[in-house]
């Protein structure tokens, strides 16, 4: 396998961080400020795509920035898994930036320069996590993301926002410092390195009891993944503006959480070690509880963003379940779900924001008949819902199909039942929203004729992400190819 030494991974991460300077300097000229945001997004996307041919050819790209001490460095490595995540994040940053213009301006939100600045820092940290060559580098960017997203969560600066921000940092920083950091120190003590390896680095270093303890510390320590009972920060963060919610729930924060868990379980522990010690069952139980309980809670939520939040909690554990199955199709499905869920869920959040911009409504019970006034938005909502449920022709079907095959390969029939039951629950809390939006009498409709679609900057991004969700059903490459390459590299 060819290894290319290139500074591109570092540049791909830093470009949005550097863009903060002109964004801040252009604060009094909104069009120029957003122009810098888009320019940084295009450059970031271009740098990432320019590395794709090497990765698809079976190679890797590496760059060592700083050797802290023997076995410990700030270093970057681009492989199939990291490339998959980076393409998703960079693509959706462009979509969310466009959506932010329509949403933030229409709502006359304050401190928009601060908003776009921290948005850029968050994406810099996200790409840093995607391209981290070792656990130390991943951890640094993980914490950078936590701090960068705090001002976004507390954007409104009122009492509710501050309380939600405190809960956010308590969960996210408390677990990473209290669980991930000591677990990382223990791994370094046992192995003398934190470098990611397709075969893992912990085999033969310690007892099964210690391995289990480390596994639980990492799984629960990366609380951005929203695994129960450490999911409380996620619904609380819904106090943020909708573009931030979309960023949190579809791209940056939650996906960084599950990506970190996936990376550590497969490249620090190793698939073979997990199989040998039969630890897949422990992970299956953890993931299944979160999937089912979160789906049941989502059924009872009237606030649209809160329903989407609990849906996200359940969907994230699909990705953890993919690791837990320890089968080729399961691992592939878990990685694919990072991409497929991202495009479907961000569409749903965009729709929720467009509805709020156009009508001021947040609760599902207040949206009867809205489809007749906002048909484009609600058809996109249906497509996003279908992708999250796993109904063809949307990309979500592809990832869930692989997960279902993974349960059969692993001979874990109870997990097959969990996945199918969860999909039925997904349908139960999403499809009635669409049904009541269109299929009601004029007397039942809660909206007057003057209600129309949100501004084009809100509608165009949700149409784009909905279209991509459909397109991924017919052409899941390169995500499918990248996922399969990643699974092969870890011996799955």
Protein backbone atom coordinates (compact mmCIF):
# COMPACT_ATOMS: atom_id res chain seq x y z
CA UNK A 1 0.00 0.00 0.00
CA UNK A 2 1.43 3.35 -1.10
CA UNK A 3 2.06 5.93 1.61
CA UNK A 4 2.27 9.53 0.45
CA UNK A 5 3.76 12.25 2.64
CA UNK A 6 1.83 15.47 2.10
CA UNK A 7 0.87 18.58 4.05
CA UNK A 8 -2.65 18.49 2.58
CA UNK A 9 -4.34 16.86 5.63
CA UNK A 10 -3.03 19.66 7.85
CA UNK A 11 -4.07 22.32 5.36
CA UNK A 12 -7.54 20.79 5.01
CA UNK A 13 -7.97 21.12 8.75
CA UNK A 14 -6.45 24.58 9.14
CA UNK A 15 -8.05 26.39 6.20
CA UNK A 16 -11.28 27.16 8.06
CA UNK A 17 -9.32 28.14 11.18
CA UNK A 18 -7.28 30.65 9.18
CA UNK A 19 -10.51 31.93 7.60
CA UNK A 20 -11.64 33.16 11.02
CA UNK A 21 -9.33 36.17 10.64
CA UNK A 22 -10.94 37.64 7.47
CA UNK A 23 -14.40 36.61 8.74
CA UNK A 24 -13.90 38.69 11.90
CA UNK A 25 -12.35 41.59 9.97
CA UNK A 26 -15.34 41.65 7.62
CA UNK A 27 -17.88 41.66 10.44
CA UNK A 28 -19.48 44.94 9.34
CA UNK A 29 -19.81 43.76 5.73
CA UNK A 30 -22.04 40.65 5.87
CA UNK A 31 -21.78 39.74 2.19
CA UNK A 32 -17.98 39.78 2.33
CA UNK A 33 -18.01 37.90 5.64
CA UNK A 34 -20.10 35.08 4.22
CA UNK A 35 -17.99 35.19 1.07
CA UNK A 36 -14.93 34.30 3.15
CA UNK A 37 -16.92 31.46 4.74
CA UNK A 38 -17.81 30.00 1.36
CA UNK A 39 -14.28 30.47 0.01
CA UNK A 40 -12.84 28.57 2.97
CA UNK A 41 -15.46 25.86 2.51
CA UNK A 42 -14.69 25.45 -1.17
CA UNK A 43 -10.93 25.33 -0.53
CA UNK A 44 -11.41 22.78 2.26
CA UNK A 45 -13.63 20.62 0.07
CA UNK A 46 -11.18 20.90 -2.82
CA UNK A 47 -8.21 19.85 -0.66
CA UNK A 48 -10.12 16.83 0.64
CA UNK A 49 -11.33 15.73 -2.79
CA UNK A 50 -7.81 16.15 -4.20
CA UNK A 51 -6.65 13.40 -1.81
CA UNK A 52 -9.47 11.01 -2.74
CA UNK A 53 -7.77 9.32 -5.76
CA UNK A 54 -4.82 8.22 -3.62
CA UNK A 55 -7.13 6.73 -1.00
CA UNK A 56 -9.36 4.96 -3.54
CA UNK A 57 -6.21 3.49 -5.09
CA UNK A 58 -5.47 1.84 -1.74
CA UNK A 59 -2.91 4.33 -0.49
CA UNK A 60 -2.68 6.55 2.58
CA UNK A 61 -1.49 10.12 3.09
CA UNK A 62 0.53 11.05 6.17
CA UNK A 63 2.00 14.17 7.70
CA UNK A 64 3.82 14.52 11.03
CA UNK A 65 3.52 17.98 12.52
CA UNK A 66 5.30 17.69 15.86
CA UNK A 67 6.96 14.84 17.76
CA UNK A 68 6.08 15.56 21.39
CA UNK A 69 8.01 12.59 22.74
CA UNK A 70 8.81 9.03 21.62
CA UNK A 71 5.52 7.34 20.75
CA UNK A 72 3.54 10.58 21.04
CA UNK A 73 3.09 13.00 18.15
CA UNK A 74 0.66 15.42 16.57
CA UNK A 75 0.28 13.69 13.23
CA UNK A 76 -2.20 13.29 10.41
CA UNK A 77 -3.14 10.25 8.35
CA UNK A 78 -5.77 10.01 5.64
CA UNK A 79 -7.32 6.58 5.10
CA UNK A 80 -10.69 5.26 3.95
CA UNK A 81 -12.48 5.85 7.25
CA UNK A 82 -11.18 9.39 7.70
CA UNK A 83 -11.83 10.31 4.07
CA UNK A 84 -15.45 9.15 4.31
CA UNK A 85 -16.08 11.37 7.33
CA UNK A 86 -14.17 14.33 5.89
CA UNK A 87 -16.16 14.32 2.64
CA UNK A 88 -19.42 14.31 4.59
CA UNK A 89 -18.33 17.13 6.91
CA UNK A 90 -16.88 19.38 4.19
CA UNK A 91 -19.88 18.92 1.89
CA UNK A 92 -22.41 19.68 4.59
CA UNK A 93 -20.44 22.69 5.86
CA UNK A 94 -21.09 24.34 2.51
CA UNK A 95 -24.80 23.46 2.69
CA UNK A 96 -25.10 24.65 6.29
CA UNK A 97 -23.25 27.89 5.54
CA UNK A 98 -25.76 28.69 2.79
CA UNK A 99 -28.65 27.78 5.07
CA UNK A 100 -27.22 29.94 7.84
CA UNK A 101 -27.46 33.03 5.66
CA UNK A 102 -31.17 32.55 5.09
CA UNK A 103 -31.90 31.61 8.69
CA UNK A 104 -29.73 34.08 10.60
CA UNK A 105 -30.61 37.08 8.45
CA UNK A 106 -34.34 36.35 8.34
CA UNK A 107 -34.37 36.07 12.14
CA UNK A 108 -32.19 39.16 12.55
CA UNK A 109 -29.94 37.17 14.86
CA UNK A 110 -27.32 39.07 16.84
CA UNK A 111 -23.56 38.35 16.81
CA UNK A 112 -23.58 36.74 13.37
CA UNK A 113 -19.85 37.34 12.94
CA UNK A 114 -19.15 35.39 16.13
CA UNK A 115 -21.48 32.66 14.88
CA UNK A 116 -19.70 32.22 11.53
CA UNK A 117 -16.28 32.41 13.22
CA UNK A 118 -16.92 29.61 15.69
CA UNK A 119 -18.65 27.63 12.96
CA UNK A 120 -15.37 27.74 11.03
CA UNK A 121 -13.33 26.69 14.09
CA UNK A 122 -15.70 23.76 14.66
CA UNK A 123 -15.20 22.48 11.12
CA UNK A 124 -11.44 22.81 11.50
CA UNK A 125 -11.61 20.58 14.58
CA UNK A 126 -13.92 18.11 12.82
CA UNK A 127 -11.52 17.55 9.93
CA UNK A 128 -8.68 17.28 12.46
CA UNK A 129 -10.50 14.39 14.12
CA UNK A 130 -11.16 12.75 10.75
CA UNK A 131 -7.50 12.87 9.73
CA UNK A 132 -5.88 12.19 13.12
CA UNK A 133 -3.12 9.58 12.88
CA UNK A 134 -3.21 8.71 16.56
CA UNK A 135 -5.38 8.94 19.65
CA UNK A 136 -3.45 11.91 21.04
CA UNK A 137 -4.13 14.05 17.96
CA UNK A 138 -7.75 12.94 17.87
CA UNK A 139 -8.19 13.89 21.52
CA UNK A 140 -6.76 17.39 21.01
CA UNK A 141 -9.14 18.14 18.15
CA UNK A 142 -12.04 16.51 20.02
CA UNK A 143 -11.55 18.96 22.88
CA UNK A 144 -11.07 21.83 20.47
CA UNK A 145 -14.49 21.01 19.00
CA UNK A 146 -16.08 20.98 22.45
CA UNK A 147 -14.84 24.49 23.22
CA UNK A 148 -15.61 25.84 19.73
CA UNK A 149 -19.24 24.71 19.80
CA UNK A 150 -20.01 26.10 23.27
CA UNK A 151 -20.50 29.68 21.96
CA UNK A 152 -22.78 28.26 19.27
CA UNK A 153 -24.95 26.40 21.78
CA UNK A 154 -25.20 29.52 23.98
CA UNK A 155 -25.69 31.87 21.02
CA UNK A 156 -28.88 33.49 22.35
CA UNK A 157 -27.11 34.44 25.60
CA UNK A 158 -30.27 34.14 27.70
CA UNK A 159 -30.79 32.09 30.86
CA UNK A 160 -31.95 28.99 29.02
CA UNK A 161 -29.01 29.13 26.61
CA UNK A 162 -26.48 29.52 29.44
CA UNK A 163 -28.03 26.64 31.41
CA UNK A 164 -27.93 24.44 28.30
CA UNK A 165 -24.33 25.48 27.67
CA UNK A 166 -23.31 24.49 31.19
CA UNK A 167 -24.95 21.11 30.75
CA UNK A 168 -23.25 20.74 27.36
CA UNK A 169 -19.76 21.37 28.73
CA UNK A 170 -20.40 19.31 31.87
CA UNK A 171 -21.29 16.25 29.84
CA UNK A 172 -18.82 16.69 26.99
CA UNK A 173 -15.73 17.92 28.86
CA UNK A 174 -16.50 16.03 32.07
CA UNK A 175 -16.54 12.67 30.32
CA UNK A 176 -13.60 13.32 28.02
CA UNK A 177 -11.38 14.51 30.87
CA UNK A 178 -12.71 12.05 33.45
CA UNK A 179 -12.85 8.94 31.26
CA UNK A 180 -11.08 9.30 27.90
CA UNK A 181 -7.95 11.03 29.20
CA UNK A 182 -7.13 8.42 31.89
CA UNK A 183 -7.98 5.61 29.47
CA UNK A 184 -5.63 7.15 26.93
CA UNK A 185 -2.86 7.40 29.53
CA UNK A 186 -3.37 3.75 30.42
CA UNK A 187 -3.15 2.71 26.76
CA UNK A 188 0.10 4.65 26.38
CA UNK A 189 1.44 3.05 29.55
CA UNK A 190 0.59 -0.44 28.27
CA UNK A 191 1.78 -0.05 24.68
CA UNK A 192 4.20 2.89 24.53
CA UNK A 193 2.26 4.40 21.63
CA UNK A 194 -1.11 5.89 20.70
CA UNK A 195 -0.78 5.36 16.95
CA UNK A 196 -3.78 3.90 15.16
CA UNK A 197 -3.20 0.45 13.68
CA UNK A 198 -5.56 -1.64 11.59
CA UNK A 199 -4.76 -4.64 13.78
CA UNK A 200 -5.10 -2.70 17.03
CA UNK A 201 -2.36 -2.16 19.59
CA UNK A 202 -3.77 -3.63 22.83
CA UNK A 203 -3.67 -7.36 22.06
CA UNK A 204 -1.56 -9.27 24.58
CA UNK A 205 -0.79 -6.23 26.73
CA UNK A 206 -3.10 -6.74 29.72
CA UNK A 207 -5.96 -8.78 31.21
CA UNK A 208 -9.52 -9.06 29.91
CA UNK A 209 -10.80 -7.15 32.93
CA UNK A 210 -8.60 -4.15 32.16
CA UNK A 211 -9.57 -4.32 28.48
CA UNK A 212 -13.27 -4.22 29.41
CA UNK A 213 -12.71 -1.27 31.72
CA UNK A 214 -10.84 0.62 29.01
CA UNK A 215 -13.54 -0.19 26.47
CA UNK A 216 -16.30 1.19 28.71
CA UNK A 217 -14.25 4.29 29.52
CA UNK A 218 -13.83 5.09 25.84
CA UNK A 219 -17.41 4.27 24.83
CA UNK A 220 -18.96 6.42 27.55
CA UNK A 221 -16.13 8.96 27.60
CA UNK A 222 -16.84 10.08 24.05
CA UNK A 223 -20.18 11.49 25.21
CA UNK A 224 -20.68 13.37 21.96
CA UNK A 225 -22.00 10.01 20.69
CA UNK A 226 -25.05 10.44 22.91
CA UNK A 227 -25.01 6.92 24.33
CA UNK A 228 -27.40 6.56 27.27
CA UNK A 229 -27.25 7.59 30.06
CA UNK A 230 -24.93 10.37 28.86
CA UNK A 231 -27.28 11.81 26.24
CA UNK A 232 -28.78 14.62 28.33
CA UNK A 233 -26.69 17.35 26.71
CA UNK A 234 -28.10 16.65 23.28
CA UNK A 235 -31.79 17.62 23.71
CA UNK A 236 -30.68 20.57 25.87
CA UNK A 237 -28.54 21.88 23.00
CA UNK A 238 -31.72 22.37 20.94
CA UNK A 239 -31.93 25.86 22.44
CA UNK A 240 -29.36 26.90 19.82
CA UNK A 241 -30.34 28.32 16.39
CA UNK A 242 -31.43 25.63 13.94
CA UNK A 243 -28.25 25.76 11.77
CA UNK A 244 -26.29 24.98 14.96
CA UNK A 245 -28.65 22.10 15.72
CA UNK A 246 -28.05 20.80 12.22
CA UNK A 247 -24.30 21.11 12.74
CA UNK A 248 -24.49 19.33 16.11
CA UNK A 249 -26.80 16.51 15.09
CA UNK A 250 -25.80 15.73 11.53
CA UNK A 251 -22.19 16.69 10.97
CA UNK A 252 -19.71 17.86 13.53
CA UNK A 253 -20.36 17.05 17.16
CA UNK A 254 -22.34 13.82 17.28
CA UNK A 255 -20.58 12.30 14.30
CA UNK A 256 -17.21 13.14 15.85
CA UNK A 257 -18.39 11.20 18.91
CA UNK A 258 -19.33 8.02 17.08
CA UNK A 259 -16.40 8.34 14.68
CA UNK A 260 -14.03 8.52 17.65
CA UNK A 261 -15.62 5.42 19.21
CA UNK A 262 -15.44 3.57 15.89
CA UNK A 263 -11.80 4.58 15.37
CA UNK A 264 -10.70 3.63 18.88
CA UNK A 265 -12.53 0.29 18.97
CA UNK A 266 -11.17 -0.82 15.61
CA UNK A 267 -7.71 0.81 15.55
CA UNK A 268 -6.73 0.76 19.24
CA UNK A 269 -8.48 -2.39 20.49
CA UNK A 270 -8.70 -4.09 17.10
CA UNK A 271 -11.51 -6.21 15.64
CA UNK A 272 -9.69 -9.47 16.32
CA UNK A 273 -9.14 -8.66 20.01
CA UNK A 274 -12.81 -7.75 20.43
CA UNK A 275 -13.77 -11.05 18.81
CA UNK A 276 -11.32 -13.08 20.86
CA UNK A 277 -12.56 -11.62 24.15
CA UNK A 278 -16.18 -11.76 22.94
CA UNK A 279 -16.76 -8.09 23.74
CA UNK A 280 -19.19 -7.52 20.89
CA UNK A 281 -22.07 -8.64 23.09
CA UNK A 282 -21.36 -5.91 25.65
CA UNK A 283 -21.40 -3.27 22.93
CA UNK A 284 -24.58 -4.73 21.42
CA UNK A 285 -26.42 -4.37 24.71
CA UNK A 286 -25.25 -0.77 25.20
CA UNK A 287 -26.21 0.20 21.64
CA UNK A 288 -29.56 -1.62 21.68
CA UNK A 289 -30.75 0.05 24.88
CA UNK A 290 -29.96 3.48 23.45
CA UNK A 291 -31.57 2.70 20.08
CA UNK A 292 -34.87 1.50 21.53
CA UNK A 293 -35.25 3.85 24.50
CA UNK A 294 -34.40 6.96 22.45
CA UNK A 295 -36.87 5.93 19.75
CA UNK A 296 -39.64 5.46 22.31
CA UNK A 297 -38.93 8.85 23.89
CA UNK A 298 -38.98 10.48 20.44
CA UNK A 299 -42.57 9.29 19.99
CA UNK A 300 -43.72 11.45 22.90
CA UNK A 301 -42.04 14.70 21.82
CA UNK A 302 -44.23 17.48 20.40
CA UNK A 303 -41.37 19.88 19.75
CA UNK A 304 -40.04 19.04 16.27
CA UNK A 305 -36.40 19.74 17.10
CA UNK A 306 -36.63 17.68 20.31
CA UNK A 307 -38.13 14.77 18.36
CA UNK A 308 -35.25 15.04 15.91
CA UNK A 309 -32.80 15.19 18.83
CA UNK A 310 -33.98 11.92 20.36
CA UNK A 311 -34.09 10.37 16.92
CA UNK A 312 -30.42 11.31 16.55
CA UNK A 313 -29.55 9.66 19.86
CA UNK A 314 -31.00 6.38 18.62
CA UNK A 315 -29.50 6.63 15.14
CA UNK A 316 -25.99 7.26 16.46
CA UNK A 317 -26.04 3.92 18.23
CA UNK A 318 -26.68 2.21 14.89
CA UNK A 319 -23.07 3.14 14.15
CA UNK A 320 -21.86 1.74 17.47
CA UNK A 321 -23.91 -1.39 16.79
CA UNK A 322 -22.08 -1.75 13.48
CA UNK A 323 -18.81 -2.08 15.41
CA UNK A 324 -20.40 -4.38 17.97
CA UNK A 325 -21.44 -6.89 15.32
CA UNK A 326 -17.75 -7.36 14.36
CA UNK A 327 -18.80 -8.69 10.96
CA UNK A 328 -17.73 -7.25 7.58
CA UNK A 329 -21.23 -6.10 6.61
CA UNK A 330 -21.92 -4.75 10.09
CA UNK A 331 -18.73 -2.68 10.14
CA UNK A 332 -19.42 -1.46 6.61
CA UNK A 333 -23.00 -0.53 7.51
CA UNK A 334 -21.87 1.33 10.61
CA UNK A 335 -19.42 3.45 8.64
CA UNK A 336 -21.92 4.03 5.84
CA UNK A 337 -24.49 5.22 8.36
CA UNK A 338 -22.18 8.11 9.29
CA UNK A 339 -22.77 9.49 5.79
CA UNK A 340 -26.32 8.34 5.09
CA UNK A 341 -27.72 9.55 8.40
CA UNK A 342 -25.89 12.86 8.07
CA UNK A 343 -27.59 13.83 4.81
CA UNK A 344 -31.02 12.61 5.93
CA UNK A 345 -30.93 14.19 9.37
CA UNK A 346 -29.53 17.54 8.26
CA UNK A 347 -32.40 17.72 5.76
CA UNK A 348 -34.87 17.27 8.61
CA UNK A 349 -33.25 19.99 10.71
CA UNK A 350 -33.17 22.34 7.73
CA UNK A 351 -36.90 21.70 7.28
CA UNK A 352 -37.58 22.40 10.96
CA UNK A 353 -35.71 25.71 10.67
CA UNK A 354 -37.50 26.66 7.44
CA UNK A 355 -40.86 26.03 9.09
CA UNK A 356 -39.87 28.23 12.03
CA UNK A 357 -38.64 31.01 9.74
CA UNK A 358 -41.85 30.94 7.68
CA UNK A 359 -44.40 30.40 10.46
CA UNK A 360 -42.76 30.76 13.88
CA UNK A 361 -44.03 27.27 14.76
CA UNK A 362 -41.89 24.77 16.70
CA UNK A 363 -44.41 22.12 17.77
CA UNK A 364 -45.67 19.29 15.58
CA UNK A 365 -49.22 19.74 16.88
CA UNK A 366 -49.20 23.23 15.34
CA UNK A 367 -48.19 22.05 11.85
CA UNK A 368 -51.45 20.53 10.60
CA UNK A 369 -51.89 21.50 6.95
CA UNK A 370 -48.48 23.12 6.57
CA UNK A 371 -47.68 20.93 3.56
CA UNK A 372 -50.26 22.83 1.49
CA UNK A 373 -48.42 26.10 2.16
CA UNK A 374 -44.83 24.78 2.18
CA UNK A 375 -44.90 21.76 -0.17
CA UNK A 376 -41.21 21.86 -1.12
CA UNK A 377 -40.09 21.88 2.49
CA UNK A 378 -42.44 19.09 3.53
CA UNK A 379 -41.59 16.85 0.56
CA UNK A 380 -37.94 17.28 1.53
CA UNK A 381 -38.98 16.40 5.08
CA UNK A 382 -40.50 13.17 3.76
CA UNK A 383 -37.30 12.29 1.89
CA UNK A 384 -35.17 12.98 4.97
CA UNK A 385 -37.54 10.88 7.07
CA UNK A 386 -37.38 8.01 4.59
CA UNK A 387 -33.59 8.06 4.73
CA UNK A 388 -33.52 7.96 8.52
CA UNK A 389 -36.14 5.19 8.57
CA UNK A 390 -34.25 3.28 5.88
CA UNK A 391 -36.83 3.25 3.10
CA UNK A 392 -35.74 3.11 -0.56
CA UNK A 393 -34.97 5.02 -2.69
CA UNK A 394 -32.82 6.86 -0.12
CA UNK A 395 -29.27 6.34 1.09
CA UNK A 396 -30.41 5.29 4.55
CA UNK A 397 -31.66 2.03 3.08
CA UNK A 398 -28.13 1.14 1.94
CA UNK A 399 -26.55 1.54 5.37
CA UNK A 400 -29.38 -0.21 7.20
CA UNK A 401 -29.32 -3.06 4.68
CA UNK A 402 -25.66 -3.67 5.45
CA UNK A 403 -26.35 -3.51 9.19
CA UNK A 404 -29.12 -6.10 8.81
CA UNK A 405 -26.78 -8.34 6.82
CA UNK A 406 -24.20 -7.82 9.54
CA UNK A 407 -26.56 -9.22 12.19
CA UNK A 408 -26.99 -12.38 10.11
CA UNK A 409 -23.24 -12.71 9.49
CA UNK A 410 -22.61 -12.36 13.22
CA UNK A 411 -25.52 -14.68 14.05
CA UNK A 412 -27.01 -12.07 16.37
CA UNK A 413 -30.70 -12.42 15.59
CA UNK A 414 -31.79 -10.30 18.60
CA UNK A 415 -29.94 -7.37 17.02
CA UNK A 416 -31.88 -7.98 13.80
CA UNK A 417 -35.08 -7.62 15.82
CA UNK A 418 -33.74 -4.42 17.44
CA UNK A 419 -32.96 -2.86 14.06
CA UNK A 420 -36.33 -3.76 12.54
CA UNK A 421 -38.23 -2.62 15.64
CA UNK A 422 -36.31 0.64 15.66
CA UNK A 423 -37.12 1.28 12.00
CA UNK A 424 -40.83 0.79 12.75
CA UNK A 425 -40.53 3.28 15.61
CA UNK A 426 -38.72 5.70 13.27
CA UNK A 427 -41.68 5.48 10.91
CA UNK A 428 -44.12 5.95 13.79
CA UNK A 429 -42.62 9.27 14.87
CA UNK A 430 -41.81 10.72 11.43
CA UNK A 431 -44.51 9.72 8.95
CA UNK A 432 -47.48 11.16 10.92
CA UNK A 433 -45.80 14.58 10.71
CA UNK A 434 -45.86 14.40 6.93
CA UNK A 435 -49.35 12.89 6.83
CA UNK A 436 -50.91 15.63 8.95
CA UNK A 437 -49.06 18.27 6.93
CA UNK A 438 -50.84 17.28 3.70
CA UNK A 439 -53.83 15.08 4.44
CA UNK A 440 -56.24 17.33 6.28
CA UNK A 441 -59.32 19.34 5.40
CA UNK A 442 -59.21 23.09 4.90
CA UNK A 443 -61.05 23.45 8.21
CA UNK A 444 -58.38 21.45 10.03
CA UNK A 445 -55.49 23.39 8.50
CA UNK A 446 -53.82 25.80 10.92
CA UNK A 447 -52.33 28.04 8.23
CA UNK A 448 -53.64 30.92 6.19
CA UNK A 449 -52.99 31.44 2.51
CA UNK A 450 -50.35 34.10 3.26
CA UNK A 451 -47.97 31.44 4.65
CA UNK A 452 -45.40 30.58 1.97
CA UNK A 453 -42.03 28.87 1.72
CA UNK A 454 -39.06 30.24 3.66
CA UNK A 455 -36.44 32.39 1.85
CA UNK A 456 -34.51 30.71 -0.95
CA UNK A 457 -31.31 30.55 1.16
CA UNK A 458 -33.24 28.28 3.56
CA UNK A 459 -35.06 26.21 0.95
CA UNK A 460 -32.24 25.58 -1.55
CA UNK A 461 -29.93 23.77 0.93
CA UNK A 462 -32.68 21.42 2.13
CA UNK A 463 -33.62 20.61 -1.47
CA UNK A 464 -29.95 19.86 -2.19
CA UNK A 465 -29.44 17.57 0.81
CA UNK A 466 -32.74 15.78 0.13
CA UNK A 467 -31.66 15.22 -3.48
CA UNK A 468 -28.31 13.86 -2.32
CA UNK A 469 -30.12 11.46 0.04
CA UNK A 470 -31.98 10.05 -2.96
CA UNK A 471 -28.87 10.08 -5.14
CA UNK A 472 -26.94 8.04 -2.57
CA UNK A 473 -29.40 5.17 -3.04
CA UNK A 474 -28.50 4.90 -6.72
CA UNK A 475 -24.84 5.83 -6.36
CA UNK A 476 -23.51 5.17 -2.85
CA UNK A 477 -19.92 5.45 -4.06
CA UNK A 478 -17.44 6.64 -3.03
CA UNK A 479 -18.80 6.18 0.50
CA UNK A 480 -19.41 2.45 0.00
CA UNK A 481 -15.95 1.93 -1.49
CA UNK A 482 -14.30 3.90 1.32
CA UNK A 483 -16.22 1.97 3.99
CA UNK A 484 -15.24 -1.38 2.47
CA UNK A 485 -11.61 -0.28 2.22
CA UNK A 486 -11.64 0.76 5.87
CA UNK A 487 -13.11 -2.59 6.92
CA UNK A 488 -10.48 -4.50 4.95
CA UNK A 489 -7.72 -2.47 6.60
CA UNK A 490 -8.95 -3.47 10.06
CA UNK A 491 -9.22 -7.16 9.18
CA UNK A 492 -13.03 -7.07 9.30
